[in-house]
Amino acid sequence: MSVKLAKGVNLHVLPTEKYKTIRIFMRFNTLLNRETITKRTLLTSLLETNSLHYPTQTQMSEKLAELYGASFGLNVNKKGNQHWLNVSMSIVNDKYLKNTHVLEEAVAFIKEVLFYPNIVADRFEQETFDREKENTAAYLSSVSEDKQAYAALSLQNLYFDDSEDQKIPSFGTLEDLEKETAESLAEYYRQMIQEDQVDIFVLGDVEEAQIHSLFSALPFTDREEGIGDIFYRHTIDNIIKERSEREKLAQSKLNIGYDTNVFYGEASYFALQLFNGIFGGFPHSKLFMNVREKENLAYYASSNVDTFRGMLSVQTGIDGKNREKVLRLVSEELENIRLGKVSEEELQQTKAMLKNQYLLSLDNAGAVLESAYMAFLLPDTYLEPEEWIRRMEAVTVQDIQKVAEQIKMQAIFFLEGGAE
């Protein structure tokens, strides 16, 4: 069941007896914008920490404990041209308890967090704001300490030099965080609550009428509908962008970005998934077996695809002196797939692993909610499980070759270790 609670605010109820818990998931969706990405990250920390009527983190934790240990959290992420602020809550089903109203109290808790933040006189309570800003700064600083993550984000920054919005991480930057004040964030909070597209999902053994009644009480107001195309289409450059940095590390990082020109829901989507599995997505892939195992040139070597931005990324951890050898081997493995050098065993093993991943996702509550969201956002892309498996199984080596042929290298980021 999907109903409109207000213009631009939708409630989706997914009744199932598969789980003993009830999962509540809310997504605030807006266009990706450099100006607001960091604000939204800081906002999740403030909303998660306290509220007007639970002014300390201890009081908020005590309330969750009263709800039989309910889990609750907020986070942000991006998909293509959109930036998402997510609210998640998991509670025990009242059907397994006696004389309780956990569901009603959980919705009241969400209402408190979202509509009664700790804002007084048009500003977030200063002590809380200062603490969470400091915590967020510490988190943003720590990202660069994970060199694998740092290399991946540096490749993204290099690859998307045509878009200031796409370049930066989904959680923002220290530079933008420094500009925020208790007043500016309170102002942005009001904008988000009034303007973002909102989708609310409830998954579990629930009655649709009760869910509708409870969530109708949330004071959402009408807002403009329609955000724009979720897909970001990168401008293909004939010149490969390269950047190198040096740090005193035991292991160098070589990351490569390619344009695939294949997007979620398109005819070639399944061929791309199989290409990625054979190329570097699984432990039996060509990058893992040949670059890492056979040639012993990498500590790790893998690939992944972003089908909302048409990007393929390769990540490797290597000895710096082997940079050129590894680049050549990665290119050779891509060329081998273009030439159709894919064995029947590689093809069938990759299909089996993709099928297994997909079937496991059908039982995972988080994956079920994401699938339901995409089905609502892009209804033309939705496939029943049988059809999804049928289309994946139907992919041939020739289909994979066609995908490989249009993959173009765009950027190389090299973090060289072993040097001052």
Protein backbone atom coordinates (compact mmCIF):
# COMPACT_ATOMS: atom_id res chain seq x y z
CA MET A 1 0.00 0.00 0.00
CA SER A 2 1.26 3.49 -0.91
CA VAL A 3 -0.66 6.63 0.09
CA LYS A 4 0.02 10.35 -0.03
CA LEU A 5 0.10 11.95 3.45
CA ALA A 6 0.72 15.38 1.92
CA LYS A 7 1.93 16.65 -1.44
CA GLY A 8 5.48 15.24 -1.80
CA VAL A 9 5.12 13.01 1.31
CA ASN A 10 4.34 9.32 0.75
CA LEU A 11 3.67 6.41 3.10
CA HIS A 12 4.45 2.85 1.93
CA VAL A 13 3.32 -0.12 4.01
CA LEU A 14 4.95 -3.50 3.31
CA PRO A 15 3.10 -6.14 5.37
CA THR A 16 5.03 -9.39 5.88
CA GLU A 17 5.21 -12.11 8.51
CA LYS A 18 8.88 -12.77 7.67
CA TYR A 19 10.26 -10.65 10.53
CA LYS A 20 9.51 -10.45 14.27
CA THR A 21 10.51 -6.80 14.32
CA ILE A 22 8.93 -3.79 12.63
CA ARG A 23 11.24 -1.65 10.54
CA ILE A 24 10.44 2.05 10.07
CA PHE A 25 12.47 3.83 7.42
CA MET A 26 12.14 7.45 6.30
CA ARG A 27 14.05 9.13 3.48
CA PHE A 28 14.35 12.88 2.96
CA ASN A 29 15.39 13.39 -0.65
CA THR A 30 16.73 16.51 -2.36
CA LEU A 31 19.00 17.38 -5.27
CA LEU A 32 22.70 16.91 -4.57
CA ASN A 33 24.17 20.33 -3.82
CA ARG A 34 27.62 21.19 -2.47
CA GLU A 35 26.02 23.94 -0.37
CA THR A 36 23.87 21.53 1.67
CA ILE A 37 25.73 18.19 1.81
CA THR A 38 27.74 18.99 4.96
CA LYS A 39 24.75 20.69 6.61
CA ARG A 40 22.77 17.47 6.28
CA THR A 41 25.55 15.39 7.83
CA LEU A 42 25.81 17.71 10.83
CA LEU A 43 22.02 17.75 11.11
CA THR A 44 21.86 13.95 11.44
CA SER A 45 24.25 14.16 14.42
CA LEU A 46 22.16 16.82 16.14
CA LEU A 47 18.80 15.12 15.59
CA GLU A 48 20.19 11.76 16.71
CA THR A 49 21.68 13.15 19.93
CA ASN A 50 18.79 14.97 21.60
CA SER A 51 15.56 16.90 21.11
CA LEU A 52 13.53 19.63 22.77
CA HIS A 53 11.90 17.25 25.26
CA TYR A 54 14.88 14.84 25.50
CA PRO A 55 17.60 17.51 25.90
CA THR A 56 20.38 15.05 26.74
CA GLN A 57 21.68 11.98 24.97
CA THR A 58 21.08 9.99 28.17
CA GLN A 59 17.37 10.86 28.17
CA MET A 60 17.05 9.89 24.54
CA SER A 61 18.81 6.55 25.18
CA GLU A 62 16.56 5.89 28.19
CA LYS A 63 13.48 6.40 26.02
CA LEU A 64 14.78 3.90 23.46
CA ALA A 65 15.47 1.42 26.28
CA GLU A 66 11.85 1.82 27.41
CA LEU A 67 10.82 0.80 23.90
CA TYR A 68 12.33 -2.65 24.57
CA GLY A 69 15.73 -1.69 23.21
CA ALA A 70 14.57 -0.11 19.95
CA SER A 71 17.39 0.79 17.57
CA PHE A 72 17.36 4.27 16.05
CA GLY A 73 19.72 6.23 13.82
CA LEU A 74 20.17 8.78 11.05
CA ASN A 75 22.67 8.91 8.20
CA VAL A 76 23.23 10.42 4.78
CA ASN A 77 24.18 9.04 1.38
CA LYS A 78 23.96 10.03 -2.25
CA LYS A 79 22.73 8.34 -5.38
CA GLY A 80 23.45 9.95 -8.73
CA ASN A 81 22.05 13.50 -8.63
CA GLN A 82 20.23 13.05 -5.31
CA HIS A 83 21.23 13.38 -1.66
CA TRP A 84 19.40 11.32 0.93
CA LEU A 85 18.99 11.84 4.66
CA ASN A 86 17.75 8.59 6.20
CA VAL A 87 15.95 7.89 9.48
CA SER A 88 15.82 4.24 10.61
CA MET A 89 14.09 2.64 13.56
CA SER A 90 13.66 -1.03 14.41
CA ILE A 91 11.23 -2.09 17.14
CA VAL A 92 9.86 -5.30 18.56
CA ASN A 93 6.35 -6.16 17.35
CA ASP A 94 3.63 -5.61 19.99
CA LYS A 95 2.19 -9.00 18.95
CA TYR A 96 5.02 -10.67 20.87
CA LEU A 97 4.48 -8.63 24.04
CA LYS A 98 1.61 -8.18 26.49
CA ASN A 99 -0.36 -4.96 26.82
CA THR A 100 2.20 -2.76 25.09
CA HIS A 101 2.02 0.14 22.61
CA VAL A 102 5.57 0.10 21.28
CA LEU A 103 4.55 0.98 17.71
CA GLU A 104 2.52 4.01 18.81
CA GLU A 105 5.31 5.19 21.10
CA ALA A 106 7.91 4.68 18.35
CA VAL A 107 5.95 6.93 15.96
CA ALA A 108 5.61 9.51 18.75
CA PHE A 109 9.40 9.30 19.28
CA ILE A 110 10.05 9.90 15.57
CA LYS A 111 7.65 12.87 15.66
CA GLU A 112 9.58 14.29 18.62
CA VAL A 113 12.96 13.91 16.90
CA LEU A 114 11.88 15.33 13.54
CA PHE A 115 9.49 18.09 14.55
CA TYR A 116 10.80 19.14 17.98
CA PRO A 117 14.58 19.42 17.65
CA ASN A 118 16.56 21.21 20.36
CA ILE A 119 16.05 24.64 18.76
CA VAL A 120 15.32 27.65 20.96
CA ALA A 121 15.06 31.23 19.66
CA ASP A 122 15.86 30.13 16.08
CA ARG A 123 19.12 28.38 16.91
CA PHE A 124 20.22 24.90 18.00
CA GLU A 125 21.14 24.72 21.68
CA GLN A 126 24.72 26.01 21.60
CA GLU A 127 26.49 23.44 23.79
CA THR A 128 25.01 20.52 21.86
CA PHE A 129 25.76 22.22 18.52
CA ASP A 130 29.40 22.86 19.45
CA ARG A 131 29.92 19.28 20.63
CA GLU A 132 28.35 17.67 17.54
CA LYS A 133 30.20 20.01 15.20
CA GLU A 134 33.43 18.96 16.89
CA ASN A 135 32.49 15.26 16.65
CA THR A 136 31.62 15.65 12.96
CA ALA A 137 34.94 17.41 12.32
CA ALA A 138 36.78 14.54 14.02
CA TYR A 139 34.93 12.05 11.82
CA LEU A 140 35.68 13.96 8.61
CA SER A 141 39.35 14.19 9.61
CA SER A 142 39.52 10.46 10.32
CA VAL A 143 38.44 9.55 6.78
CA SER A 144 41.83 10.57 5.39
CA GLU A 145 43.51 8.17 7.84
CA ASP A 146 41.88 5.20 6.06
CA LYS A 147 44.10 5.28 2.99
CA GLN A 148 41.92 2.91 0.97
CA ALA A 149 38.91 5.19 1.51
CA TYR A 150 41.06 8.26 0.91
CA ALA A 151 42.25 6.89 -2.45
CA ALA A 152 38.67 6.06 -3.50
CA LEU A 153 37.45 9.57 -2.60
CA SER A 154 40.46 11.17 -4.30
CA LEU A 155 39.67 9.25 -7.50
CA GLN A 156 36.06 10.50 -7.30
CA ASN A 157 37.30 14.07 -6.86
CA LEU A 158 39.54 13.72 -9.92
CA TYR A 159 37.02 11.85 -12.07
CA PHE A 160 34.14 14.30 -11.53
CA ASP A 161 36.08 17.49 -12.16
CA ASP A 162 33.10 18.64 -14.27
CA SER A 163 30.81 18.81 -11.21
CA GLU A 164 31.47 20.51 -7.87
CA ASP A 165 28.50 18.60 -6.39
CA GLN A 166 29.70 15.14 -7.50
CA LYS A 167 33.33 15.67 -6.50
CA ILE A 168 32.86 15.78 -2.75
CA PRO A 169 31.93 12.87 -0.45
CA SER A 170 28.30 12.20 0.51
CA PHE A 171 29.12 13.36 4.06
CA GLY A 172 30.69 16.70 3.08
CA THR A 173 33.94 18.48 3.87
CA LEU A 174 35.75 20.11 6.79
CA GLU A 175 35.93 23.35 4.82
CA ASP A 176 32.13 23.56 4.56
CA LEU A 177 31.61 22.39 8.15
CA GLU A 178 33.64 25.30 9.51
CA LYS A 179 31.10 27.76 8.07
CA GLU A 180 28.13 26.32 9.99
CA THR A 181 26.60 28.04 13.01
CA ALA A 182 23.78 27.10 15.38
CA GLU A 183 21.60 29.65 13.52
CA SER A 184 22.49 28.60 9.96
CA LEU A 185 21.79 24.94 10.69
CA ALA A 186 18.44 25.70 12.36
CA GLU A 187 17.49 27.66 9.24
CA TYR A 188 18.49 24.75 7.00
CA TYR A 189 16.59 22.27 9.21
CA ARG A 190 13.36 24.23 8.57
CA GLN A 191 14.06 24.25 4.83
CA MET A 192 14.63 20.47 4.76
CA ILE A 193 11.53 19.60 6.78
CA GLN A 194 9.38 21.82 4.53
CA GLU A 195 10.89 21.18 1.09
CA ASP A 196 12.48 17.69 0.86
CA GLN A 197 10.58 14.86 -0.80
CA VAL A 198 9.72 12.38 1.98
CA ASP A 199 9.05 8.65 1.73
CA ILE A 200 8.10 6.61 4.78
CA PHE A 201 8.33 2.80 4.71
CA VAL A 202 7.00 0.41 7.34
CA LEU A 203 8.04 -3.24 6.96
CA GLY A 204 6.70 -6.01 9.18
CA ASP A 205 3.65 -7.85 10.45
CA VAL A 206 1.43 -4.76 10.65
CA GLU A 207 -2.11 -3.60 9.91
CA GLU A 208 -2.19 -1.08 7.08
CA ALA A 209 -5.06 0.94 8.59
CA GLN A 210 -3.23 1.38 11.91
CA ILE A 211 0.00 2.46 10.20
CA HIS A 212 -1.89 4.97 8.07
CA SER A 213 -3.63 6.37 11.15
CA LEU A 214 -0.39 6.73 13.14
CA PHE A 215 1.69 8.37 10.44
CA SER A 216 -1.10 10.68 9.29
CA ALA A 217 -0.63 12.43 12.63
CA LEU A 218 2.87 13.63 11.64
CA PRO A 219 2.59 17.35 10.79
CA PHE A 220 4.09 17.23 7.30
CA THR A 221 3.00 20.02 4.96
CA ASP A 222 2.67 20.11 1.17
CA ARG A 223 5.84 20.70 -0.85
CA GLU A 224 6.80 20.75 -4.54
CA GLU A 225 6.83 17.27 -6.09
CA GLY A 226 9.49 15.94 -8.47
CA ILE A 227 13.22 16.27 -7.92
CA GLY A 228 14.67 15.71 -11.36
CA ASP A 229 16.67 12.95 -13.05
CA ILE A 230 18.47 10.74 -10.52
CA PHE A 231 21.14 9.79 -13.07
CA TYR A 232 24.30 11.85 -13.38
CA ARG A 233 25.86 11.60 -16.85
CA HIS A 234 29.57 12.34 -16.82
CA THR A 235 31.14 14.29 -19.67
CA ILE A 236 33.55 11.87 -21.37
CA ASP A 237 37.04 13.29 -21.75
CA ASN A 238 39.52 12.09 -24.35
CA ILE A 239 42.41 13.03 -22.04
CA ILE A 240 42.92 10.73 -19.04
CA LYS A 241 43.20 12.74 -15.83
CA GLU A 242 46.06 11.67 -13.54
CA ARG A 243 47.11 12.70 -10.07
CA SER A 244 49.77 11.31 -7.73
CA GLU A 245 50.46 11.94 -4.06
CA ARG A 246 53.16 10.62 -1.75
CA GLU A 247 52.87 9.52 1.85
CA LYS A 248 54.99 7.40 4.15
CA LEU A 249 53.00 4.18 3.72
CA ALA A 250 53.88 0.51 3.54
CA GLN A 251 51.47 0.06 0.64
CA SER A 252 50.70 2.23 -2.39
CA LYS A 253 47.16 2.67 -3.69
CA LEU A 254 46.38 2.70 -7.40
CA ASN A 255 42.75 3.53 -8.27
CA ILE A 256 41.38 3.80 -11.79
CA GLY A 257 38.05 5.27 -12.97
CA TYR A 258 36.25 4.30 -16.18
CA ASP A 259 33.08 5.54 -17.87
CA THR A 260 30.67 2.66 -18.63
CA ASN A 261 27.80 4.54 -20.30
CA VAL A 262 25.43 1.96 -18.70
CA PHE A 263 22.82 2.96 -16.14
CA TYR A 264 20.43 1.25 -13.72
CA GLY A 265 17.40 -0.27 -15.43
CA GLU A 266 18.84 -0.12 -18.97
CA ALA A 267 19.00 -3.09 -21.34
CA SER A 268 22.75 -3.56 -20.74
CA TYR A 269 22.46 -3.38 -16.92
CA PHE A 270 22.74 -7.15 -16.37
CA ALA A 271 25.60 -7.50 -18.86
CA LEU A 272 27.47 -4.81 -16.90
CA GLN A 273 26.86 -6.65 -13.61
CA LEU A 274 28.31 -9.82 -15.10
CA PHE A 275 31.19 -7.92 -16.66
CA ASN A 276 32.05 -6.44 -13.25
CA GLY A 277 31.83 -9.84 -11.55
CA ILE A 278 34.20 -11.38 -14.10
CA PHE A 279 36.54 -8.36 -14.21
CA GLY A 280 37.04 -7.61 -10.50
CA GLY A 281 33.85 -7.95 -8.50
CA PHE A 282 34.29 -11.45 -7.04
CA PRO A 283 37.14 -13.58 -5.61
CA HIS A 284 37.26 -15.62 -8.84
CA SER A 285 37.55 -12.48 -11.02
CA LYS A 286 40.37 -11.81 -13.47
CA LEU A 287 41.86 -8.97 -11.41
CA PHE A 288 41.91 -11.03 -8.23
CA MET A 289 43.14 -14.27 -9.80
CA ASN A 290 45.70 -12.80 -12.19
CA VAL A 291 46.93 -9.47 -10.81
CA ARG A 292 46.84 -10.52 -7.16
CA GLU A 293 47.25 -14.32 -7.11
CA LYS A 294 49.08 -15.35 -10.28
CA GLU A 295 51.40 -12.34 -10.79
CA ASN A 296 51.55 -11.50 -7.05
CA LEU A 297 51.54 -7.79 -7.90
CA ALA A 298 48.76 -6.60 -5.56
CA TYR A 299 47.73 -6.98 -1.93
CA TYR A 300 44.16 -6.52 -3.14
CA ALA A 301 42.58 -5.88 -6.55
CA SER A 302 38.87 -5.41 -7.17
CA SER A 303 36.29 -3.42 -9.12
CA ASN A 304 32.81 -2.04 -8.56
CA VAL A 305 30.20 -0.21 -10.60
CA ASP A 306 28.05 2.84 -9.88
CA THR A 307 25.06 2.51 -12.21
CA PHE A 308 23.62 5.90 -11.23
CA ARG A 309 26.72 7.76 -12.43
CA GLY A 310 27.93 5.35 -15.14
CA MET A 311 31.24 4.74 -13.41
CA LEU A 312 33.48 1.69 -12.98
CA SER A 313 36.19 1.88 -10.30
CA VAL A 314 39.22 -0.36 -9.89
CA GLN A 315 41.00 -0.41 -6.51
CA THR A 316 44.43 -1.94 -5.94
CA GLY A 317 46.97 -2.00 -3.12
CA ILE A 318 50.47 -2.45 -4.56
CA ASP A 319 54.19 -1.85 -4.17
CA GLY A 320 54.83 1.56 -5.70
CA LYS A 321 57.51 0.24 -8.05
CA ASN A 322 54.89 -1.99 -9.73
CA ARG A 323 52.58 0.87 -10.78
CA GLU A 324 53.15 0.56 -14.54
CA LYS A 325 53.03 -3.26 -14.48
CA VAL A 326 49.70 -3.22 -12.64
CA LEU A 327 48.21 -0.58 -14.97
CA ARG A 328 49.24 -2.71 -17.95
CA LEU A 329 47.80 -5.92 -16.44
CA VAL A 330 44.48 -4.26 -15.58
CA SER A 331 44.23 -2.97 -19.16
CA GLU A 332 45.10 -6.43 -20.50
CA GLU A 333 42.33 -8.07 -18.46
CA LEU A 334 39.83 -5.51 -19.75
CA GLU A 335 41.02 -6.21 -23.31
CA ASN A 336 40.68 -9.98 -22.75
CA ILE A 337 36.99 -9.51 -21.93
CA ARG A 338 36.57 -7.25 -24.97
CA LEU A 339 38.00 -10.12 -27.05
CA GLY A 340 35.55 -12.59 -25.52
CA LYS A 341 38.16 -14.47 -23.50
CA VAL A 342 35.67 -15.51 -20.84
CA SER A 343 35.43 -19.21 -20.03
CA GLU A 344 32.12 -21.01 -19.52
CA GLU A 345 33.23 -21.67 -15.94
CA GLU A 346 33.84 -17.94 -15.28
CA LEU A 347 30.46 -17.07 -16.78
CA GLN A 348 28.48 -19.67 -14.84
CA GLN A 349 30.31 -19.02 -11.56
CA THR A 350 29.60 -15.28 -11.84
CA LYS A 351 25.93 -15.91 -12.63
CA ALA A 352 25.66 -18.25 -9.64
CA MET A 353 27.22 -15.65 -7.32
CA LEU A 354 25.02 -12.82 -8.60
CA LYS A 355 21.93 -15.01 -8.19
CA ASN A 356 22.96 -15.98 -4.68
CA GLN A 357 23.57 -12.32 -3.74
CA TYR A 358 20.16 -11.37 -5.11
CA LEU A 359 18.30 -14.18 -3.33
CA LEU A 360 19.98 -13.27 -0.03
CA SER A 361 18.89 -9.64 -0.51
CA LEU A 362 15.25 -10.75 -0.69
CA ASP A 363 15.50 -11.78 2.98
CA ASN A 364 17.45 -8.74 4.15
CA ALA A 365 15.13 -6.06 5.56
CA GLY A 366 17.46 -3.19 4.57
CA ALA A 367 17.76 -4.47 1.00
CA VAL A 368 13.98 -5.02 0.77
CA LEU A 369 13.38 -1.38 1.78
CA GLU A 370 15.92 -0.06 -0.74
CA SER A 371 14.34 -2.17 -3.46
CA ALA A 372 10.89 -0.84 -2.56
CA TYR A 373 12.22 2.73 -2.68
CA MET A 374 13.74 2.27 -6.13
CA ALA A 375 10.53 0.61 -7.35
CA PHE A 376 8.61 3.71 -6.25
CA LEU A 377 11.18 6.19 -7.58
CA LEU A 378 11.74 4.38 -10.92
CA PRO A 379 8.66 2.18 -11.41
CA ASP A 380 9.63 1.22 -14.98
CA THR A 381 12.77 -0.52 -13.67
CA TYR A 382 11.03 -2.86 -11.21
CA LEU A 383 11.31 -6.59 -11.94
CA GLU A 384 9.73 -9.54 -10.15
CA PRO A 385 12.39 -11.91 -8.75
CA GLU A 386 11.76 -14.54 -11.43
CA GLU A 387 12.17 -11.96 -14.21
CA TRP A 388 15.33 -10.51 -12.58
CA ILE A 389 16.92 -13.97 -12.51
CA ARG A 390 15.74 -14.79 -16.04
CA ARG A 391 17.30 -11.63 -17.49
CA MET A 392 20.56 -12.13 -15.63
CA GLU A 393 20.78 -15.78 -16.72
CA ALA A 394 20.11 -14.80 -20.35
CA VAL A 395 23.29 -12.68 -20.64
CA THR A 396 25.85 -14.09 -23.10
CA VAL A 397 29.60 -13.57 -23.47
CA GLN A 398 28.79 -11.45 -26.55
CA ASP A 399 26.61 -9.15 -24.40
CA ILE A 400 29.48 -8.78 -21.93
CA GLN A 401 31.90 -8.02 -24.78
CA LYS A 402 29.64 -5.19 -26.01
CA VAL A 403 29.66 -3.62 -22.55
CA ALA A 404 33.45 -4.01 -22.25
CA GLU A 405 33.98 -2.37 -25.63
CA GLN A 406 32.39 0.90 -24.53
CA ILE A 407 34.26 1.21 -21.23
CA LYS A 408 36.69 4.15 -21.39
CA MET A 409 39.43 5.01 -18.90
CA GLN A 410 38.96 8.53 -17.51
CA ALA A 411 41.08 8.97 -14.40
CA ILE A 412 44.02 7.48 -12.45
CA PHE A 413 44.82 8.33 -8.84
CA PHE A 414 48.06 7.03 -7.35
CA LEU A 415 48.91 7.31 -3.68
CA GLU A 416 52.57 6.35 -3.54
CA GLY A 417 53.89 4.81 -0.34
CA GLY A 418 57.39 4.27 0.97
CA ALA A 419 58.57 7.85 0.52
CA GLU A 420 58.63 11.02 2.64
